N, C-alpha and C. Protein backbone atom coordinates (compact mmCIF):
# COMPACT_ATOMS: atom_id res chain seq x y z
N MET A 1 0.83 -1.19 0.00
CA MET A 1 0.00 0.00 0.00
C MET A 1 0.87 1.24 0.00
N THR A 2 0.40 2.23 -0.66
CA THR A 2 1.14 3.49 -0.72
C THR A 2 0.77 4.33 0.47
N SER A 3 1.55 5.35 0.71
CA SER A 3 1.27 6.23 1.85
C SER A 3 -0.03 7.00 1.66
N ILE A 4 -0.43 7.28 0.43
CA ILE A 4 -1.68 7.99 0.18
C ILE A 4 -2.86 7.07 0.51
N SER A 5 -2.76 5.81 0.12
CA SER A 5 -3.83 4.87 0.41
C SER A 5 -3.99 4.67 1.91
N ILE A 6 -2.86 4.59 2.63
CA ILE A 6 -2.91 4.43 4.07
C ILE A 6 -3.51 5.67 4.71
N THR A 7 -3.20 6.86 4.22
CA THR A 7 -3.75 8.10 4.75
C THR A 7 -5.25 8.15 4.51
N LYS A 8 -5.70 7.78 3.33
CA LYS A 8 -7.13 7.77 3.02
C LYS A 8 -7.86 6.78 3.92
N LEU A 9 -7.27 5.62 4.07
CA LEU A 9 -7.88 4.60 4.92
C LEU A 9 -7.95 5.08 6.36
N THR A 10 -6.90 5.73 6.84
CA THR A 10 -6.89 6.25 8.20
C THR A 10 -7.97 7.31 8.38
N VAL A 11 -8.12 8.19 7.42
CA VAL A 11 -9.15 9.25 7.48
C VAL A 11 -10.55 8.64 7.49
N ILE A 12 -10.77 7.66 6.64
CA ILE A 12 -12.09 7.03 6.57
C ILE A 12 -12.41 6.32 7.88
N VAL A 13 -11.46 5.54 8.41
CA VAL A 13 -11.67 4.85 9.67
C VAL A 13 -11.91 5.85 10.80
N THR A 14 -11.15 6.94 10.81
CA THR A 14 -11.31 7.98 11.83
C THR A 14 -12.70 8.62 11.73
N LEU A 15 -13.16 8.92 10.54
CA LEU A 15 -14.48 9.53 10.35
C LEU A 15 -15.59 8.58 10.81
N ILE A 16 -15.51 7.33 10.40
CA ILE A 16 -16.53 6.35 10.79
C ILE A 16 -16.52 6.17 12.31
N GLY A 17 -15.36 6.06 12.89
CA GLY A 17 -15.25 5.93 14.34
C GLY A 17 -15.82 7.13 15.06
N SER A 18 -15.55 8.34 14.54
CA SER A 18 -16.07 9.56 15.16
C SER A 18 -17.60 9.60 15.10
N VAL A 19 -18.17 9.20 13.97
CA VAL A 19 -19.63 9.20 13.83
C VAL A 19 -20.24 8.21 14.81
N VAL A 20 -19.68 7.00 14.89
CA VAL A 20 -20.22 5.98 15.79
C VAL A 20 -20.10 6.43 17.24
N LEU A 21 -18.91 6.88 17.65
CA LEU A 21 -18.73 7.33 19.04
C LEU A 21 -19.59 8.55 19.35
N GLY A 22 -19.69 9.47 18.40
CA GLY A 22 -20.52 10.67 18.60
C GLY A 22 -21.99 10.30 18.75
N SER A 23 -22.46 9.34 17.97
CA SER A 23 -23.86 8.89 18.08
C SER A 23 -24.13 8.25 19.43
N ILE A 24 -23.22 7.39 19.86
CA ILE A 24 -23.38 6.74 21.17
C ILE A 24 -23.37 7.77 22.28
N ALA A 25 -22.46 8.71 22.22
CA ALA A 25 -22.40 9.76 23.24
C ALA A 25 -23.67 10.61 23.22
N GLY A 26 -24.17 10.95 22.05
CA GLY A 26 -25.40 11.74 21.94
C GLY A 26 -26.60 11.03 22.53
N ILE A 27 -26.72 9.74 22.24
CA ILE A 27 -27.82 8.95 22.80
C ILE A 27 -27.72 8.92 24.32
N PHE A 28 -26.52 8.71 24.83
CA PHE A 28 -26.32 8.65 26.27
C PHE A 28 -26.67 9.99 26.93
N LEU A 29 -26.20 11.08 26.36
CA LEU A 29 -26.47 12.40 26.95
C LEU A 29 -27.95 12.75 26.89
N THR A 30 -28.61 12.41 25.81
CA THR A 30 -30.04 12.69 25.68
C THR A 30 -30.85 11.89 26.69
N SER A 31 -30.49 10.65 26.91
CA SER A 31 -31.28 9.82 27.82
C SER A 31 -31.07 10.19 29.28
N THR A 32 -29.98 10.86 29.63
CA THR A 32 -29.74 11.22 31.02
C THR A 32 -30.05 12.68 31.33
N ARG A 33 -30.44 13.44 30.32
CA ARG A 33 -30.72 14.86 30.52
C ARG A 33 -32.10 15.04 31.14
N LEU A 34 -32.23 15.91 32.14
CA LEU A 34 -33.52 16.19 32.77
C LEU A 34 -34.39 17.00 31.82
N THR A 35 -35.69 16.69 31.82
CA THR A 35 -36.62 17.50 31.05
C THR A 35 -36.96 18.75 31.86
N MET A 36 -37.62 19.71 31.22
CA MET A 36 -38.00 20.93 31.92
C MET A 36 -38.99 20.63 33.05
N ALA A 37 -39.86 19.65 32.86
CA ALA A 37 -40.82 19.30 33.92
C ALA A 37 -40.08 18.76 35.14
N GLU A 38 -39.06 17.91 34.89
CA GLU A 38 -38.30 17.35 36.00
C GLU A 38 -37.49 18.44 36.69
N VAL A 39 -36.93 19.34 35.90
CA VAL A 39 -36.14 20.42 36.48
C VAL A 39 -37.03 21.33 37.32
N SER A 40 -38.21 21.68 36.79
CA SER A 40 -39.06 22.62 37.52
C SER A 40 -39.58 21.99 38.81
N SER A 41 -39.86 20.69 38.79
CA SER A 41 -40.39 20.08 40.01
C SER A 41 -39.28 19.83 41.03
N VAL A 42 -38.05 19.72 40.57
CA VAL A 42 -36.95 19.39 41.47
C VAL A 42 -36.21 20.63 41.95
N LYS A 43 -35.91 21.54 41.04
CA LYS A 43 -35.00 22.63 41.38
C LYS A 43 -35.61 24.03 41.35
N SER A 44 -36.72 24.21 40.72
CA SER A 44 -37.24 25.56 40.55
C SER A 44 -38.07 26.00 41.75
N ASN A 45 -37.87 27.24 42.15
CA ASN A 45 -38.71 27.80 43.20
C ASN A 45 -39.65 28.86 42.62
N ARG A 46 -39.71 28.92 41.30
CA ARG A 46 -40.61 29.85 40.65
C ARG A 46 -41.95 29.18 40.39
N PRO A 47 -43.07 29.86 40.69
CA PRO A 47 -44.39 29.25 40.46
C PRO A 47 -44.70 29.15 38.97
N ILE A 48 -45.55 28.20 38.64
CA ILE A 48 -46.04 28.04 37.28
C ILE A 48 -47.43 28.65 37.23
N PHE A 49 -47.68 29.51 36.28
CA PHE A 49 -49.00 30.14 36.15
C PHE A 49 -49.69 29.58 34.93
N THR A 50 -50.87 29.01 35.16
CA THR A 50 -51.67 28.46 34.07
C THR A 50 -53.12 28.37 34.53
N SER A 51 -54.03 28.25 33.59
CA SER A 51 -55.44 28.11 33.97
C SER A 51 -55.88 26.66 33.97
N GLY A 52 -54.98 25.72 33.59
CA GLY A 52 -55.35 24.33 33.61
C GLY A 52 -54.20 23.41 33.27
N ILE A 53 -54.29 22.20 33.81
CA ILE A 53 -53.30 21.16 33.54
C ILE A 53 -54.07 19.89 33.20
N ASN A 54 -53.72 19.24 32.10
CA ASN A 54 -54.30 17.96 31.75
C ASN A 54 -53.26 16.88 31.97
N ILE A 55 -53.67 15.79 32.60
CA ILE A 55 -52.80 14.64 32.78
C ILE A 55 -53.32 13.57 31.82
N VAL A 56 -52.43 13.08 30.96
CA VAL A 56 -52.83 12.13 29.91
C VAL A 56 -52.13 10.79 30.11
N ASN A 57 -52.73 9.74 29.54
CA ASN A 57 -52.10 8.43 29.58
C ASN A 57 -51.12 8.31 28.41
N ALA A 58 -50.54 7.13 28.22
CA ALA A 58 -49.54 6.92 27.17
C ALA A 58 -50.11 7.16 25.77
N ASP A 59 -51.43 7.00 25.61
CA ASP A 59 -52.08 7.23 24.32
C ASP A 59 -52.50 8.68 24.11
N GLY A 60 -52.24 9.54 25.09
CA GLY A 60 -52.60 10.94 24.98
C GLY A 60 -54.02 11.26 25.39
N GLN A 61 -54.75 10.30 25.96
CA GLN A 61 -56.12 10.54 26.40
C GLN A 61 -56.11 11.18 27.78
N VAL A 62 -56.89 12.24 27.94
CA VAL A 62 -56.94 12.97 29.22
C VAL A 62 -57.59 12.09 30.27
N ARG A 63 -56.93 11.95 31.41
CA ARG A 63 -57.45 11.16 32.53
C ARG A 63 -57.74 12.03 33.75
N ALA A 64 -57.11 13.19 33.82
CA ALA A 64 -57.36 14.10 34.94
C ALA A 64 -57.12 15.53 34.46
N THR A 65 -57.90 16.44 35.01
CA THR A 65 -57.76 17.85 34.70
C THR A 65 -57.80 18.64 35.99
N LEU A 66 -56.83 19.48 36.16
CA LEU A 66 -56.83 20.44 37.26
C LEU A 66 -56.95 21.79 36.60
N GLY A 67 -58.05 22.46 36.85
CA GLY A 67 -58.27 23.72 36.15
C GLY A 67 -59.32 24.57 36.81
N LEU A 68 -59.81 25.52 36.04
CA LEU A 68 -60.83 26.44 36.52
C LEU A 68 -62.15 26.13 35.86
N TRP A 69 -63.13 25.77 36.68
CA TRP A 69 -64.49 25.56 36.22
C TRP A 69 -65.05 26.92 35.87
N ASP A 70 -65.66 27.08 34.78
CA ASP A 70 -66.23 28.34 34.28
C ASP A 70 -65.24 29.50 34.38
N GLU A 71 -63.94 29.19 34.19
CA GLU A 71 -62.85 30.17 34.18
C GLU A 71 -62.71 30.94 35.49
N GLU A 72 -63.30 30.43 36.58
CA GLU A 72 -63.28 31.15 37.85
C GLU A 72 -62.97 30.26 39.05
N HIS A 73 -63.64 29.11 39.13
CA HIS A 73 -63.58 28.28 40.33
C HIS A 73 -62.70 27.05 40.12
N PRO A 74 -61.82 26.72 41.09
CA PRO A 74 -60.92 25.58 40.92
C PRO A 74 -61.66 24.25 40.97
N ALA A 75 -61.18 23.30 40.13
CA ALA A 75 -61.80 21.98 40.07
C ALA A 75 -60.76 20.94 39.67
N LEU A 76 -60.90 19.75 40.24
CA LEU A 76 -60.12 18.59 39.85
C LEU A 76 -61.10 17.58 39.31
N ILE A 77 -60.93 17.17 38.05
CA ILE A 77 -61.85 16.24 37.41
C ILE A 77 -61.06 15.01 36.97
N LEU A 78 -61.53 13.83 37.39
CA LEU A 78 -60.86 12.57 37.07
C LEU A 78 -61.75 11.75 36.15
N GLY A 79 -61.19 11.18 35.10
CA GLY A 79 -61.97 10.40 34.15
C GLY A 79 -61.31 9.09 33.81
N ASP A 80 -61.97 8.33 32.93
CA ASP A 80 -61.42 7.08 32.44
C ASP A 80 -61.71 6.98 30.95
N ALA A 81 -61.46 5.81 30.36
CA ALA A 81 -61.64 5.65 28.92
C ALA A 81 -63.10 5.82 28.51
N GLN A 82 -64.04 5.54 29.40
CA GLN A 82 -65.46 5.60 29.07
C GLN A 82 -66.05 7.00 29.29
N CYS A 83 -65.64 7.67 30.36
CA CYS A 83 -66.23 8.96 30.71
C CYS A 83 -65.13 9.98 30.98
N ASP A 84 -65.33 11.19 30.50
CA ASP A 84 -64.34 12.23 30.78
C ASP A 84 -64.35 12.65 32.24
N ARG A 85 -65.42 12.30 32.96
CA ARG A 85 -65.45 12.55 34.40
C ARG A 85 -66.10 11.39 35.12
N ARG A 86 -65.37 10.88 36.10
CA ARG A 86 -65.90 9.82 36.96
C ARG A 86 -65.94 10.29 38.40
N ALA A 87 -65.13 11.32 38.69
CA ALA A 87 -65.14 11.93 40.01
C ALA A 87 -64.67 13.36 39.85
N SER A 88 -65.22 14.25 40.67
CA SER A 88 -64.79 15.64 40.61
C SER A 88 -64.81 16.25 42.01
N PHE A 89 -63.92 17.18 42.19
CA PHE A 89 -63.88 17.97 43.42
C PHE A 89 -63.82 19.42 42.96
N ALA A 90 -64.77 20.21 43.36
CA ALA A 90 -64.84 21.58 42.87
C ALA A 90 -65.25 22.55 43.97
N VAL A 91 -64.73 23.76 43.87
CA VAL A 91 -65.08 24.84 44.78
C VAL A 91 -65.80 25.89 43.94
N PHE A 92 -67.06 26.10 44.25
CA PHE A 92 -67.87 27.05 43.49
C PHE A 92 -68.09 28.33 44.29
N GLY A 93 -67.04 28.85 44.86
CA GLY A 93 -67.14 30.07 45.63
C GLY A 93 -68.07 29.90 46.81
N LYS A 94 -68.92 30.88 47.03
CA LYS A 94 -69.85 30.83 48.16
C LYS A 94 -71.06 29.96 47.87
N GLU A 95 -71.28 29.58 46.60
CA GLU A 95 -72.45 28.79 46.26
C GLU A 95 -72.38 27.39 46.88
N ARG A 96 -71.23 26.70 46.68
CA ARG A 96 -71.06 25.36 47.24
C ARG A 96 -69.67 24.84 46.92
N THR A 97 -69.29 23.84 47.69
CA THR A 97 -68.07 23.08 47.46
C THR A 97 -68.49 21.63 47.49
N GLY A 98 -67.98 20.81 46.56
CA GLY A 98 -68.47 19.45 46.57
C GLY A 98 -67.57 18.43 45.90
N ILE A 99 -67.84 17.19 46.27
CA ILE A 99 -67.23 16.03 45.65
C ILE A 99 -68.37 15.27 44.97
N THR A 100 -68.23 14.98 43.69
CA THR A 100 -69.27 14.29 42.95
C THR A 100 -68.70 13.02 42.33
N LEU A 101 -69.46 11.93 42.43
CA LEU A 101 -69.08 10.66 41.82
C LEU A 101 -70.05 10.37 40.68
N TYR A 102 -69.52 9.88 39.57
CA TYR A 102 -70.30 9.62 38.37
C TYR A 102 -70.33 8.13 38.09
N GLY A 103 -71.44 7.64 37.51
CA GLY A 103 -71.58 6.23 37.17
C GLY A 103 -70.91 5.88 35.86
N GLN A 104 -71.02 4.61 35.47
CA GLN A 104 -70.43 4.15 34.21
C GLN A 104 -71.09 4.81 33.00
N ASP A 105 -72.29 5.33 33.19
CA ASP A 105 -72.98 6.04 32.11
C ASP A 105 -72.65 7.54 32.11
N CYS A 106 -71.67 7.93 32.92
CA CYS A 106 -71.15 9.30 32.99
C CYS A 106 -72.12 10.28 33.65
N LYS A 107 -73.15 9.80 34.30
CA LYS A 107 -74.11 10.67 34.99
C LYS A 107 -73.80 10.69 36.47
N ARG A 108 -74.17 11.81 37.12
CA ARG A 108 -73.94 11.94 38.56
C ARG A 108 -74.70 10.87 39.32
N ARG A 109 -74.04 10.32 40.34
CA ARG A 109 -74.68 9.31 41.18
C ARG A 109 -74.74 9.76 42.63
N ALA A 110 -73.64 10.31 43.13
CA ALA A 110 -73.59 10.73 44.54
C ALA A 110 -72.81 12.03 44.64
N ALA A 111 -73.26 12.88 45.55
CA ALA A 111 -72.57 14.15 45.76
C ALA A 111 -72.56 14.49 47.24
N LEU A 112 -71.41 14.89 47.71
CA LEU A 112 -71.25 15.38 49.06
C LEU A 112 -70.87 16.85 48.92
N GLU A 113 -71.70 17.72 49.46
CA GLU A 113 -71.51 19.15 49.24
C GLU A 113 -71.67 19.93 50.54
N VAL A 114 -71.04 21.08 50.56
CA VAL A 114 -71.34 22.10 51.56
C VAL A 114 -72.01 23.23 50.76
N GLU A 115 -73.27 23.46 51.06
CA GLU A 115 -74.07 24.40 50.27
C GLU A 115 -73.79 25.84 50.68
N ALA A 116 -74.39 26.78 49.95
CA ALA A 116 -74.14 28.21 50.15
C ALA A 116 -74.42 28.67 51.58
N ASP A 117 -75.40 28.06 52.22
CA ASP A 117 -75.73 28.45 53.59
C ASP A 117 -74.87 27.71 54.62
N ASP A 118 -73.76 27.12 54.17
CA ASP A 118 -72.79 26.42 55.01
C ASP A 118 -73.37 25.15 55.63
N VAL A 119 -74.33 24.53 54.93
CA VAL A 119 -74.99 23.33 55.39
C VAL A 119 -74.45 22.13 54.58
N PRO A 120 -73.97 21.07 55.25
CA PRO A 120 -73.52 19.89 54.52
C PRO A 120 -74.70 19.06 54.02
N SER A 121 -74.51 18.46 52.84
CA SER A 121 -75.58 17.71 52.22
C SER A 121 -74.99 16.51 51.46
N PHE A 122 -75.70 15.38 51.49
CA PHE A 122 -75.32 14.19 50.74
C PHE A 122 -76.52 13.82 49.89
N VAL A 123 -76.33 13.72 48.56
CA VAL A 123 -77.43 13.45 47.64
C VAL A 123 -77.10 12.23 46.79
N LEU A 124 -78.08 11.32 46.67
CA LEU A 124 -77.98 10.16 45.78
C LEU A 124 -78.90 10.39 44.59
N ARG A 125 -78.42 10.07 43.38
CA ARG A 125 -79.19 10.28 42.15
C ARG A 125 -79.40 8.97 41.42
N ASP A 126 -80.50 8.89 40.66
CA ASP A 126 -80.79 7.68 39.89
C ASP A 126 -80.11 7.74 38.52
N HIS A 127 -80.41 6.72 37.67
CA HIS A 127 -79.78 6.64 36.35
C HIS A 127 -80.15 7.80 35.43
N SER A 128 -81.19 8.54 35.76
CA SER A 128 -81.59 9.71 34.96
C SER A 128 -81.00 11.00 35.50
N ASP A 129 -80.11 10.91 36.49
CA ASP A 129 -79.48 12.07 37.12
C ASP A 129 -80.49 12.87 37.95
N THR A 130 -81.55 12.21 38.41
CA THR A 130 -82.58 12.84 39.24
C THR A 130 -82.27 12.54 40.71
N PRO A 131 -82.30 13.57 41.58
CA PRO A 131 -82.07 13.29 43.00
C PRO A 131 -83.19 12.41 43.55
N ARG A 132 -82.80 11.36 44.32
CA ARG A 132 -83.79 10.46 44.88
C ARG A 132 -83.74 10.41 46.40
N ALA A 133 -82.58 10.75 46.98
CA ALA A 133 -82.46 10.76 48.44
C ALA A 133 -81.46 11.83 48.84
N GLN A 134 -81.74 12.49 49.97
CA GLN A 134 -80.86 13.54 50.49
C GLN A 134 -80.80 13.46 52.01
N ILE A 135 -79.60 13.58 52.52
CA ILE A 135 -79.39 13.73 53.96
C ILE A 135 -78.62 15.01 54.14
N ARG A 136 -79.09 15.86 55.01
CA ARG A 136 -78.39 17.12 55.26
C ARG A 136 -78.53 17.50 56.72
N LEU A 137 -77.70 18.40 57.15
CA LEU A 137 -77.80 18.93 58.51
C LEU A 137 -78.36 20.34 58.43
N ASN A 138 -79.33 20.62 59.30
CA ASN A 138 -79.88 21.97 59.39
C ASN A 138 -78.89 22.87 60.13
N HIS A 139 -79.18 24.16 60.15
CA HIS A 139 -78.30 25.12 60.84
C HIS A 139 -78.13 24.80 62.32
N ASP A 140 -79.18 24.22 62.95
CA ASP A 140 -79.08 23.88 64.37
C ASP A 140 -78.38 22.55 64.60
N GLY A 141 -77.93 21.88 63.51
CA GLY A 141 -77.23 20.62 63.63
C GLY A 141 -78.13 19.40 63.56
N SER A 142 -79.43 19.60 63.50
CA SER A 142 -80.35 18.47 63.42
C SER A 142 -80.36 17.91 61.99
N PRO A 143 -80.50 16.58 61.85
CA PRO A 143 -80.49 15.98 60.51
C PRO A 143 -81.84 16.12 59.81
N LEU A 144 -81.80 16.13 58.50
CA LEU A 144 -83.01 16.15 57.68
C LEU A 144 -82.81 15.10 56.59
N ILE A 145 -83.79 14.23 56.44
CA ILE A 145 -83.74 13.19 55.41
C ILE A 145 -84.92 13.41 54.47
N ARG A 146 -84.64 13.43 53.17
CA ARG A 146 -85.69 13.61 52.16
C ARG A 146 -85.59 12.50 51.13
N LEU A 147 -86.75 12.04 50.66
CA LEU A 147 -86.83 11.10 49.56
C LEU A 147 -87.62 11.76 48.44
N PHE A 148 -87.22 11.50 47.19
CA PHE A 148 -87.82 12.14 46.03
C PHE A 148 -88.40 11.09 45.09
N ASP A 149 -89.43 11.50 44.32
CA ASP A 149 -89.98 10.58 43.32
C ASP A 149 -89.14 10.64 42.05
N ALA A 150 -89.57 9.93 41.01
CA ALA A 150 -88.81 9.84 39.76
C ALA A 150 -88.67 11.18 39.05
N ASN A 151 -89.50 12.16 39.42
CA ASN A 151 -89.42 13.49 38.83
C ASN A 151 -88.61 14.46 39.67
N GLY A 152 -88.08 13.99 40.80
CA GLY A 152 -87.28 14.85 41.66
C GLY A 152 -88.08 15.67 42.66
N ARG A 153 -89.38 15.37 42.82
CA ARG A 153 -90.21 16.09 43.80
C ARG A 153 -90.13 15.36 45.14
N ALA A 154 -90.00 16.12 46.21
CA ALA A 154 -89.93 15.53 47.56
C ALA A 154 -91.25 14.83 47.87
N VAL A 155 -91.16 13.56 48.27
CA VAL A 155 -92.36 12.78 48.63
C VAL A 155 -92.36 12.37 50.08
N TRP A 156 -91.22 12.46 50.74
CA TRP A 156 -91.13 12.11 52.15
C TRP A 156 -89.99 12.88 52.77
N GLU A 157 -90.23 13.34 54.00
CA GLU A 157 -89.21 14.13 54.69
C GLU A 157 -89.27 13.80 56.18
N GLN A 158 -88.14 13.61 56.77
CA GLN A 158 -88.09 13.34 58.20
C GLN A 158 -87.06 14.26 58.85
N PRO A 159 -87.56 15.26 59.60
CA PRO A 159 -86.62 16.16 60.28
C PRO A 159 -85.99 15.50 61.49
C-alpha cells in the first residue's frame, strides 16, 4: 500500500469511528438529561402560572384535569376511557363546594356538598341524574332526610 492509500484509509476509519462514538455519546447524553418538567419540580422555586393542567395516559387521552371551572372556580376532574369525568372535586365560591361521583354512564350518582348556607348535604341520584335521596344537617345541627320521586319532587321528609 502506498502512503496515500494508508492516509485515506486512516481518514475514513477515523471519520466512521467519530460518527459511531458521537452517536453513542449523543444517545447517552439525551437519555440522562432532565426535562423541563423534572427540572421545575426538582430545582425551581418559581411558580407556574396556568389556567389548567391535563394529565394524559400513554395514548394521549386525558385522565385528569386540574383547572378552573367556568374560568373562575378551581376543580379537579378525574376520568377514564369511558367517561371524561368519573369523580370531581370543585369549589364554586360561596355557592357550594363538593365532591361528585359519576356512574359508568357518565351521569352523577352521589354528591357530598357544603351548600351556600354552610350546610352539609349528601345526595344520591338515579340513572336519569334525578335526586332520589338527600341527607343534610340543618343550621341547628339536626339531621333532615328527604326522599324524592322519579321526577325529583320531595315525597317524604323526616326532620
